[in-house]
């Protein structure tokens, strides 16, 4: 994507994500109470709501004409053509159980393209960020996708939907990729999955039936780290479809071909 001057947006998003991270750290490790949403695997805590409220306040104050789509408070329409996608706590189940693989995800979509992303993993002390044309970073150090060029040498990651009647959709792909690659991981946070691809720690990620707010920030970071992002069918990435395939680019075609075969 052409470089845009998103310096102000980056500062606001990073500060908001870090503020949310402070809120989440207050609840981590305390086995917080939770409520069940769509299924027994879809949880929400008071910290989700508190963190999203803080983020929305910051974004609305700085960019009153922008839209916001968030996990806990839905869609706020804007008039600018720009939309922020916010997941205050991606990996709530990990958070509830004391596993530090969770984070806050704030992404900006401009003209249908992921233009900016900030993902903060507060317990791990990691801040991933990227802006269109400006590169991708972990704790302000440049990051880049891996150079793995063969699917058989790749380490992949995926997730499974909260609504369990969709499981078969991904189990077929999971089985195929498990046989074709060096391994498939399931970490419980799509935002971090994407950031780990951007860092080169993992080589590819795919998932279906996922929420838009989980995807935009991480997609922006992967793209700026030199990777590729699309729909699992090979079409353009659209977060509203709830489907994504992201990779280092070198195994992208092989991943698409594998998914096409399991979908046939």
C-alpha atoms as a PDB file:
ATOM      1  CA  UNK A   1       0.000   0.000   0.000  1.00  0.00           C
ATOM      2  CA  UNK A   2       1.227   3.523  -0.779  1.00  0.00           C
ATOM      3  CA  UNK A   3       2.831   5.235   2.190  1.00  0.00           C
ATOM      4  CA  UNK A   4       0.393   7.417   4.099  1.00  0.00           C
ATOM      5  CA  UNK A   5       1.133   9.926   6.815  1.00  0.00           C
ATOM      6  CA  UNK A   6      -0.471   8.089   9.704  1.00  0.00           C
ATOM      7  CA  UNK A   7       1.853   9.366  12.406  1.00  0.00           C
ATOM      8  CA  UNK A   8      -0.944  10.852  14.499  1.00  0.00           C
ATOM      9  CA  UNK A   9      -3.129   7.778  14.064  1.00  0.00           C
ATOM     10  CA  UNK A  10      -0.227   5.568  15.096  1.00  0.00           C
ATOM     11  CA  UNK A  11       0.466   7.558  18.249  1.00  0.00           C
ATOM     12  CA  UNK A  12      -3.200   7.549  19.282  1.00  0.00           C
ATOM     13  CA  UNK A  13      -3.691   3.838  18.561  1.00  0.00           C
ATOM     14  CA  UNK A  14      -0.518   2.826  20.351  1.00  0.00           C
ATOM     15  CA  UNK A  15      -1.330   4.894  23.421  1.00  0.00           C
ATOM     16  CA  UNK A  16      -4.872   3.481  23.491  1.00  0.00           C
ATOM     17  CA  UNK A  17      -3.640  -0.104  23.142  1.00  0.00           C
ATOM     18  CA  UNK A  18      -1.089   0.392  25.894  1.00  0.00           C
ATOM     19  CA  UNK A  19      -3.749   1.888  28.172  1.00  0.00           C
ATOM     20  CA  UNK A  20      -5.925  -1.150  27.485  1.00  0.00           C
ATOM     21  CA  UNK A  21      -2.952  -3.361  28.284  1.00  0.00           C
ATOM     22  CA  UNK A  22      -2.662  -1.772  31.718  1.00  0.00           C
ATOM     23  CA  UNK A  23      -6.315  -2.604  32.356  1.00  0.00           C
ATOM     24  CA  UNK A  24      -5.824  -6.208  31.242  1.00  0.00           C
ATOM     25  CA  UNK A  25      -2.772  -6.694  33.437  1.00  0.00           C
ATOM     26  CA  UNK A  26      -4.931  -5.779  36.434  1.00  0.00           C
ATOM     27  CA  UNK A  27      -7.073  -8.847  35.809  1.00  0.00           C
ATOM     28  CA  UNK A  28      -4.527 -11.331  34.498  1.00  0.00           C
ATOM     29  CA  UNK A  29      -3.613 -14.191  36.810  1.00  0.00           C
ATOM     30  CA  UNK A  30      -6.572 -13.588  39.099  1.00  0.00           C
ATOM     31  CA  UNK A  31      -8.899 -16.082  37.449  1.00  0.00           C
ATOM     32  CA  UNK A  32     -11.456 -13.335  36.705  1.00  0.00           C
ATOM     33  CA  UNK A  33     -15.153 -14.073  36.528  1.00  0.00           C
ATOM     34  CA  UNK A  34     -16.624 -14.317  33.057  1.00  0.00           C
ATOM     35  CA  UNK A  35     -19.841 -14.624  31.121  1.00  0.00           C
ATOM     36  CA  UNK A  36     -20.546 -16.975  28.223  1.00  0.00           C
ATOM     37  CA  UNK A  37     -21.598 -15.433  24.910  1.00  0.00           C
ATOM     38  CA  UNK A  38     -22.230 -17.607  21.826  1.00  0.00           C
ATOM     39  CA  UNK A  39     -20.784 -20.852  23.235  1.00  0.00           C
ATOM     40  CA  UNK A  40     -18.861 -22.264  26.185  1.00  0.00           C
ATOM     41  CA  UNK A  41     -15.639 -21.270  24.409  1.00  0.00           C
ATOM     42  CA  UNK A  42     -16.739 -17.668  23.765  1.00  0.00           C
ATOM     43  CA  UNK A  43     -16.085 -15.773  26.980  1.00  0.00           C
ATOM     44  CA  UNK A  44     -16.203 -12.144  28.080  1.00  0.00           C
ATOM     45  CA  UNK A  45     -14.907 -10.533  31.263  1.00  0.00           C
ATOM     46  CA  UNK A  46     -15.312  -7.102  32.820  1.00  0.00           C
ATOM     47  CA  UNK A  47     -11.824  -6.306  31.529  1.00  0.00           C
ATOM     48  CA  UNK A  48     -12.924  -6.702  27.898  1.00  0.00           C
ATOM     49  CA  UNK A  49     -15.524  -3.988  28.377  1.00  0.00           C
ATOM     50  CA  UNK A  50     -13.297  -1.652  30.376  1.00  0.00           C
ATOM     51  CA  UNK A  51     -10.481  -1.912  27.851  1.00  0.00           C
ATOM     52  CA  UNK A  52     -12.750  -1.315  24.860  1.00  0.00           C
ATOM     53  CA  UNK A  53     -14.359   1.705  26.500  1.00  0.00           C
ATOM     54  CA  UNK A  54     -10.927   3.260  27.015  1.00  0.00           C
ATOM     55  CA  UNK A  55      -9.971   2.625  23.394  1.00  0.00           C
ATOM     56  CA  UNK A  56     -13.229   3.987  22.008  1.00  0.00           C
ATOM     57  CA  UNK A  57     -12.880   7.160  24.042  1.00  0.00           C
ATOM     58  CA  UNK A  58      -9.397   7.773  22.674  1.00  0.00           C
ATOM     59  CA  UNK A  59     -10.331   7.067  19.049  1.00  0.00           C
ATOM     60  CA  UNK A  60     -13.577   9.043  19.142  1.00  0.00           C
ATOM     61  CA  UNK A  61     -11.880  12.054  20.685  1.00  0.00           C
ATOM     62  CA  UNK A  62      -9.029  12.039  18.157  1.00  0.00           C
ATOM     63  CA  UNK A  63     -10.975  10.977  15.042  1.00  0.00           C
ATOM     64  CA  UNK A  64     -14.662  11.840  15.527  1.00  0.00           C
ATOM     65  CA  UNK A  65     -15.542  11.234  11.865  1.00  0.00           C
ATOM     66  CA  UNK A  66     -14.137   7.701  11.709  1.00  0.00           C
ATOM     67  CA  UNK A  67     -16.171   4.539  12.140  1.00  0.00           C
ATOM     68  CA  UNK A  68     -15.381   2.024  14.866  1.00  0.00           C
ATOM     69  CA  UNK A  69     -16.150  -1.697  14.929  1.00  0.00           C
ATOM     70  CA  UNK A  70     -15.508  -3.336  18.284  1.00  0.00           C
ATOM     71  CA  UNK A  71     -16.132  -6.721  19.828  1.00  0.00           C
ATOM     72  CA  UNK A  72     -18.002  -5.555  22.897  1.00  0.00           C
ATOM     73  CA  UNK A  73     -19.872  -2.435  21.752  1.00  0.00           C
ATOM     74  CA  UNK A  74     -20.603  -3.127  18.104  1.00  0.00           C
ATOM     75  CA  UNK A  75     -20.400  -0.732  15.177  1.00  0.00           C
ATOM     76  CA  UNK A  76     -20.204   3.036  15.379  1.00  0.00           C
ATOM     77  CA  UNK A  77     -20.770   4.565  11.956  1.00  0.00           C
ATOM     78  CA  UNK A  78     -18.504   7.297  10.623  1.00  0.00           C
ATOM     79  CA  UNK A  79     -18.456   9.678   7.667  1.00  0.00           C
ATOM     80  CA  UNK A  80     -14.753   9.664   6.765  1.00  0.00           C
ATOM     81  CA  UNK A  81     -14.604   6.329   4.932  1.00  0.00           C
ATOM     82  CA  UNK A  82     -12.096   5.095   7.508  1.00  0.00           C
ATOM     83  CA  UNK A  83     -12.944   2.365  10.003  1.00  0.00           C
ATOM     84  CA  UNK A  84     -11.130   1.290  13.156  1.00  0.00           C
ATOM     85  CA  UNK A  85     -11.411  -2.373  14.163  1.00  0.00           C
ATOM     86  CA  UNK A  86     -10.941  -2.981  17.879  1.00  0.00           C
ATOM     87  CA  UNK A  87     -10.564  -6.156  19.893  1.00  0.00           C
ATOM     88  CA  UNK A  88      -9.780  -5.067  23.444  1.00  0.00           C
ATOM     89  CA  UNK A  89      -8.907  -8.600  24.532  1.00  0.00           C
ATOM     90  CA  UNK A  90      -8.099 -11.110  21.819  1.00  0.00           C
ATOM     91  CA  UNK A  91      -7.565 -14.423  23.547  1.00  0.00           C
ATOM     92  CA  UNK A  92     -10.068 -14.066  26.375  1.00  0.00           C
ATOM     93  CA  UNK A  93     -10.052 -17.784  27.179  1.00  0.00           C
ATOM     94  CA  UNK A  94      -6.256 -17.713  27.531  1.00  0.00           C
ATOM     95  CA  UNK A  95      -6.608 -14.630  29.744  1.00  0.00           C
ATOM     96  CA  UNK A  96      -9.180 -16.279  32.012  1.00  0.00           C
ATOM     97  CA  UNK A  97      -6.948 -19.329  32.479  1.00  0.00           C
ATOM     98  CA  UNK A  98      -3.809 -17.285  33.189  1.00  0.00           C
ATOM     99  CA  UNK A  99      -2.078 -18.037  29.881  1.00  0.00           C
ATOM    100  CA  UNK A 100      -0.221 -14.888  28.722  1.00  0.00           C
ATOM    101  CA  UNK A 101      -1.011 -15.379  25.020  1.00  0.00           C
ATOM    102  CA  UNK A 102      -3.558 -12.599  24.632  1.00  0.00           C
ATOM    103  CA  UNK A 103      -3.504  -8.995  23.551  1.00  0.00           C
ATOM    104  CA  UNK A 104      -5.225  -5.818  22.459  1.00  0.00           C
ATOM    105  CA  UNK A 105      -5.689  -5.303  18.720  1.00  0.00           C
ATOM    106  CA  UNK A 106      -6.412  -1.954  17.023  1.00  0.00           C
ATOM    107  CA  UNK A 107      -6.456  -1.768  13.232  1.00  0.00           C
ATOM    108  CA  UNK A 108      -7.412   0.908  10.716  1.00  0.00           C
ATOM    109  CA  UNK A 109      -9.003   0.100   7.366  1.00  0.00           C
ATOM    110  CA  UNK A 110      -8.753   2.761   4.639  1.00  0.00           C
ATOM    111  CA  UNK A 111     -10.432   2.185   1.273  1.00  0.00           C
ATOM    112  CA  UNK A 112     -10.805  -1.479   2.125  1.00  0.00           C
ATOM    113  CA  UNK A 113      -7.117  -2.002   2.880  1.00  0.00           C
ATOM    114  CA  UNK A 114      -5.469  -2.585   6.258  1.00  0.00           C
ATOM    115  CA  UNK A 115      -3.482   0.623   6.681  1.00  0.00           C
ATOM    116  CA  UNK A 116      -2.369   0.541  10.308  1.00  0.00           C
ATOM    117  CA  UNK A 117      -2.121  -1.997  13.074  1.00  0.00           C
ATOM    118  CA  UNK A 118      -1.131  -2.050  16.727  1.00  0.00           C
ATOM    119  CA  UNK A 119      -1.168  -5.240  18.789  1.00  0.00           C
ATOM    120  CA  UNK A 120      -0.041  -5.148  22.420  1.00  0.00           C
ATOM    121  CA  UNK A 121       0.617  -8.334  24.408  1.00  0.00           C
ATOM    122  CA  UNK A 122       0.849  -6.697  27.846  1.00  0.00           C
ATOM    123  CA  UNK A 123       2.097  -9.578  29.976  1.00  0.00           C
ATOM    124  CA  UNK A 124       4.749 -10.554  27.426  1.00  0.00           C
ATOM    125  CA  UNK A 125       5.861  -6.948  27.033  1.00  0.00           C
ATOM    126  CA  UNK A 126       5.442  -6.969  23.263  1.00  0.00           C
ATOM    127  CA  UNK A 127       4.104  -4.144  21.112  1.00  0.00           C
ATOM    128  CA  UNK A 128       3.724  -4.927  17.415  1.00  0.00           C
ATOM    129  CA  UNK A 129       2.893  -2.090  15.061  1.00  0.00           C
ATOM    130  CA  UNK A 130       2.860  -1.116  11.407  1.00  0.00           C
ATOM    131  CA  UNK A 131       1.609   1.650   9.148  1.00  0.00           C
ATOM    132  CA  UNK A 132       1.205   1.596   5.376  1.00  0.00           C
ATOM    133  CA  UNK A 133       4.541   2.085   3.659  1.00  0.00           C
ATOM    134  CA  UNK A 134       6.439   2.532   6.921  1.00  0.00           C
ATOM    135  CA  UNK A 135       7.375  -1.060   7.813  1.00  0.00           C
ATOM    136  CA  UNK A 136       6.505  -3.372  10.685  1.00  0.00           C
ATOM    137  CA  UNK A 137       8.032  -3.435  14.138  1.00  0.00           C
ATOM    138  CA  UNK A 138       8.199  -5.340  17.415  1.00  0.00           C
ATOM    139  CA  UNK A 139       9.109  -3.054  20.312  1.00  0.00           C
ATOM    140  CA  UNK A 140      10.354  -0.550  17.719  1.00  0.00           C
ATOM    141  CA  UNK A 141      12.729  -3.058  16.097  1.00  0.00           C
ATOM    142  CA  UNK A 142      12.016  -3.903  12.418  1.00  0.00           C
ATOM    143  CA  UNK A 143      10.490  -7.305  11.734  1.00  0.00           C
ATOM    144  CA  UNK A 144      10.120  -9.320   8.534  1.00  0.00           C
ATOM    145  CA  UNK A 145       8.414 -12.518   7.488  1.00  0.00           C
ATOM    146  CA  UNK A 146      10.407 -15.728   7.152  1.00  0.00           C
ATOM    147  CA  UNK A 147      12.226 -16.957   4.052  1.00  0.00           C
ATOM    148  CA  UNK A 148      10.809 -20.504   4.213  1.00  0.00           C
ATOM    149  CA  UNK A 149       9.858 -21.420   0.651  1.00  0.00           C
ATOM    150  CA  UNK A 150       8.589 -24.991   0.985  1.00  0.00           C
ATOM    151  CA  UNK A 151       5.341 -25.932   2.693  1.00  0.00           C
ATOM    152  CA  UNK A 152       7.064 -29.059   3.999  1.00  0.00           C
ATOM    153  CA  UNK A 153       9.455 -26.866   5.977  1.00  0.00           C
ATOM    154  CA  UNK A 154       6.809 -24.459   7.278  1.00  0.00           C
ATOM    155  CA  UNK A 155       5.316 -24.060  10.736  1.00  0.00           C
ATOM    156  CA  UNK A 156       1.690 -22.948  10.475  1.00  0.00           C
ATOM    157  CA  UNK A 157      -0.956 -21.688  12.860  1.00  0.00           C
ATOM    158  CA  UNK A 158      -4.750 -21.657  12.822  1.00  0.00           C
ATOM    159  CA  UNK A 159      -7.795 -21.255  15.013  1.00  0.00           C
ATOM    160  CA  UNK A 160     -11.207 -22.837  15.381  1.00  0.00           C
ATOM    161  CA  UNK A 161     -14.577 -21.091  15.608  1.00  0.00           C
ATOM    162  CA  UNK A 162     -16.481 -20.598  18.835  1.00  0.00           C
ATOM    163  CA  UNK A 163     -19.620 -22.039  17.237  1.00  0.00           C
ATOM    164  CA  UNK A 164     -18.632 -25.678  17.142  1.00  0.00           C
ATOM    165  CA  UNK A 165     -20.890 -26.753  14.276  1.00  0.00           C
ATOM    166  CA  UNK A 166     -18.372 -25.066  11.948  1.00  0.00           C
ATOM    167  CA  UNK A 167     -15.451 -27.199  13.161  1.00  0.00           C
ATOM    168  CA  UNK A 168     -15.494 -29.566  10.191  1.00  0.00           C
ATOM    169  CA  UNK A 169     -14.738 -26.668   7.855  1.00  0.00           C
ATOM    170  CA  UNK A 170     -11.323 -26.199   9.418  1.00  0.00           C
ATOM    171  CA  UNK A 171     -10.576 -29.756  10.514  1.00  0.00           C
ATOM    172  CA  UNK A 172     -10.200 -30.821   6.894  1.00  0.00           C
ATOM    173  CA  UNK A 173      -7.682 -28.049   6.271  1.00  0.00           C
ATOM    174  CA  UNK A 174      -5.994 -28.723   9.610  1.00  0.00           C
ATOM    175  CA  UNK A 175      -5.477 -32.380   8.764  1.00  0.00           C
ATOM    176  CA  UNK A 176      -4.136 -31.600   5.293  1.00  0.00           C
ATOM    177  CA  UNK A 177      -1.710 -28.949   6.542  1.00  0.00           C
ATOM    178  CA  UNK A 178      -0.587 -31.109   9.465  1.00  0.00           C
ATOM    179  CA  UNK A 179       0.464 -33.768   6.970  1.00  0.00           C
ATOM    180  CA  UNK A 180       2.030 -31.335   4.501  1.00  0.00           C
ATOM    181  CA  UNK A 181       3.971 -29.059   6.888  1.00  0.00           C
ATOM    182  CA  UNK A 182       6.354 -29.355   9.827  1.00  0.00           C
ATOM    183  CA  UNK A 183       3.508 -28.600  12.186  1.00  0.00           C
ATOM    184  CA  UNK A 184       0.339 -26.654  12.914  1.00  0.00           C
ATOM    185  CA  UNK A 185      -0.152 -24.667  16.099  1.00  0.00           C
ATOM    186  CA  UNK A 186      -3.374 -23.396  17.726  1.00  0.00           C
ATOM    187  CA  UNK A 187      -2.515 -20.525  20.088  1.00  0.00           C
ATOM    188  CA  UNK A 188      -5.911 -18.957  20.799  1.00  0.00           C
ATOM    189  CA  UNK A 189      -5.302 -15.396  19.584  1.00  0.00           C
ATOM    190  CA  UNK A 190      -5.625 -14.558  15.896  1.00  0.00           C
ATOM    191  CA  UNK A 191      -4.040 -11.143  16.383  1.00  0.00           C
ATOM    192  CA  UNK A 192      -0.915 -12.730  17.844  1.00  0.00           C
ATOM    193  CA  UNK A 193      -0.968 -15.494  15.223  1.00  0.00           C
ATOM    194  CA  UNK A 194      -0.690 -12.826  12.537  1.00  0.00           C
ATOM    195  CA  UNK A 195       2.030 -10.948  14.406  1.00  0.00           C
ATOM    196  CA  UNK A 196       4.036 -14.149  14.768  1.00  0.00           C
ATOM    197  CA  UNK A 197       3.827 -14.643  10.998  1.00  0.00           C
ATOM    198  CA  UNK A 198       5.032 -11.062  10.562  1.00  0.00           C
ATOM    199  CA  UNK A 199       8.008 -11.806  12.847  1.00  0.00           C
ATOM    200  CA  UNK A 200       8.958 -14.927  10.925  1.00  0.00           C
ATOM    201  CA  UNK A 201       8.357 -17.168  13.946  1.00  0.00           C
ATOM    202  CA  UNK A 202       5.509 -18.805  12.032  1.00  0.00           C
ATOM    203  CA  UNK A 203       5.195 -19.068   8.269  1.00  0.00           C
ATOM    204  CA  UNK A 204       1.465 -19.085   7.557  1.00  0.00           C
ATOM    205  CA  UNK A 205      -1.957 -18.654   9.148  1.00  0.00           C
ATOM    206  CA  UNK A 206      -5.480 -19.392   8.014  1.00  0.00           C
ATOM    207  CA  UNK A 207      -8.872 -19.297   9.679  1.00  0.00           C
ATOM    208  CA  UNK A 208     -12.573 -19.155   8.873  1.00  0.00           C
ATOM    209  CA  UNK A 209     -15.604 -17.954  10.856  1.00  0.00           C
ATOM    210  CA  UNK A 210     -13.572 -15.331  12.695  1.00  0.00           C
ATOM    211  CA  UNK A 211     -14.588 -11.801  13.618  1.00  0.00           C
ATOM    212  CA  UNK A 212     -13.403  -8.778  11.665  1.00  0.00           C
ATOM    213  CA  UNK A 213     -11.954  -7.025  14.714  1.00  0.00           C
ATOM    214  CA  UNK A 214      -9.499  -9.908  15.197  1.00  0.00           C
ATOM    215  CA  UNK A 215      -7.944  -9.453  11.769  1.00  0.00           C
ATOM    216  CA  UNK A 216      -7.306  -5.897  10.579  1.00  0.00           C
ATOM    217  CA  UNK A 217      -4.394  -4.919  12.821  1.00  0.00           C
ATOM    218  CA  UNK A 218      -2.547  -8.186  12.306  1.00  0.00           C
ATOM    219  CA  UNK A 219      -3.157  -8.117   8.559  1.00  0.00           C
ATOM    220  CA  UNK A 220      -1.624  -4.639   8.347  1.00  0.00           C
ATOM    221  CA  UNK A 221       1.419  -5.843  10.266  1.00  0.00           C
ATOM    222  CA  UNK A 222       1.902  -8.925   8.053  1.00  0.00           C
ATOM    223  CA  UNK A 223       1.662  -6.842   4.885  1.00  0.00           C
ATOM    224  CA  UNK A 224       4.214  -4.316   6.107  1.00  0.00           C
ATOM    225  CA  UNK A 225       6.512  -7.153   7.177  1.00  0.00           C
ATOM    226  CA  UNK A 226       6.611  -8.368   3.577  1.00  0.00           C
ATOM    227  CA  UNK A 227       3.936 -11.038   3.713  1.00  0.00           C
ATOM    228  CA  UNK A 228       0.728 -11.655   1.798  1.00  0.00           C
ATOM    229  CA  UNK A 229      -2.865 -11.622   3.004  1.00  0.00           C
ATOM    230  CA  UNK A 230      -5.976 -12.744   1.129  1.00  0.00           C
ATOM    231  CA  UNK A 231      -9.222 -14.667   1.383  1.00  0.00           C
ATOM    232  CA  UNK A 232      -8.686 -18.465   1.602  1.00  0.00           C
ATOM    233  CA  UNK A 233     -10.286 -18.717  -1.843  1.00  0.00           C
ATOM    234  CA  UNK A 234      -7.537 -16.476  -3.233  1.00  0.00           C
ATOM    235  CA  UNK A 235      -9.683 -13.353  -3.494  1.00  0.00           C
ATOM    236  CA  UNK A 236      -8.952 -10.001  -1.859  1.00  0.00           C
ATOM    237  CA  UNK A 237      -8.889  -9.834   1.915  1.00  0.00           C
ATOM    238  CA  UNK A 238     -12.137  -8.491   3.365  1.00  0.00           C
ATOM    239  CA  UNK A 239     -12.383  -8.609   7.164  1.00  0.00           C
ATOM    240  CA  UNK A 240     -16.180  -8.623   7.043  1.00  0.00           C
ATOM    241  CA  UNK A 241     -16.166 -12.120   5.493  1.00  0.00           C
ATOM    242  CA  UNK A 242     -14.500 -13.552   8.588  1.00  0.00           C
ATOM    243  CA  UNK A 243     -11.987 -15.532   6.524  1.00  0.00           C
ATOM    244  CA  UNK A 244      -8.244 -15.043   6.064  1.00  0.00           C
ATOM    245  CA  UNK A 245      -5.068 -16.624   4.776  1.00  0.00           C
ATOM    246  CA  UNK A 246      -1.770 -14.921   5.598  1.00  0.00           C
ATOM    247  CA  UNK A 247       1.754 -16.091   4.901  1.00  0.00           C
ATOM    248  CA  UNK A 248       5.334 -15.085   4.249  1.00  0.00           C
ATOM    249  CA  UNK A 249       4.399 -14.978   0.559  1.00  0.00           C
ATOM    250  CA  UNK A 250       6.741 -17.791  -0.432  1.00  0.00           C
ATOM    251  CA  UNK A 251       4.344 -20.553   0.618  1.00  0.00           C
ATOM    252  CA  UNK A 252       1.207 -18.614  -0.236  1.00  0.00           C
ATOM    253  CA  UNK A 253       0.409 -20.457  -3.457  1.00  0.00           C
ATOM    254  CA  UNK A 254       0.965 -23.850  -1.830  1.00  0.00           C
ATOM    255  CA  UNK A 255      -1.386 -22.966   1.024  1.00  0.00           C
ATOM    256  CA  UNK A 256      -4.064 -21.769  -1.394  1.00  0.00           C
ATOM    257  CA  UNK A 257      -3.727 -24.956  -3.443  1.00  0.00           C
ATOM    258  CA  UNK A 258      -4.088 -27.123  -0.336  1.00  0.00           C
ATOM    259  CA  UNK A 259      -7.243 -25.303   0.750  1.00  0.00           C
ATOM    260  CA  UNK A 260      -8.677 -25.552  -2.756  1.00  0.00           C
ATOM    261  CA  UNK A 261      -8.153 -29.317  -2.703  1.00  0.00           C
ATOM    262  CA  UNK A 262      -9.821 -29.815   0.676  1.00  0.00           C
ATOM    263  CA  UNK A 263     -12.738 -27.618  -0.409  1.00  0.00           C
ATOM    264  CA  UNK A 264     -13.310 -29.503  -3.650  1.00  0.00           C
END
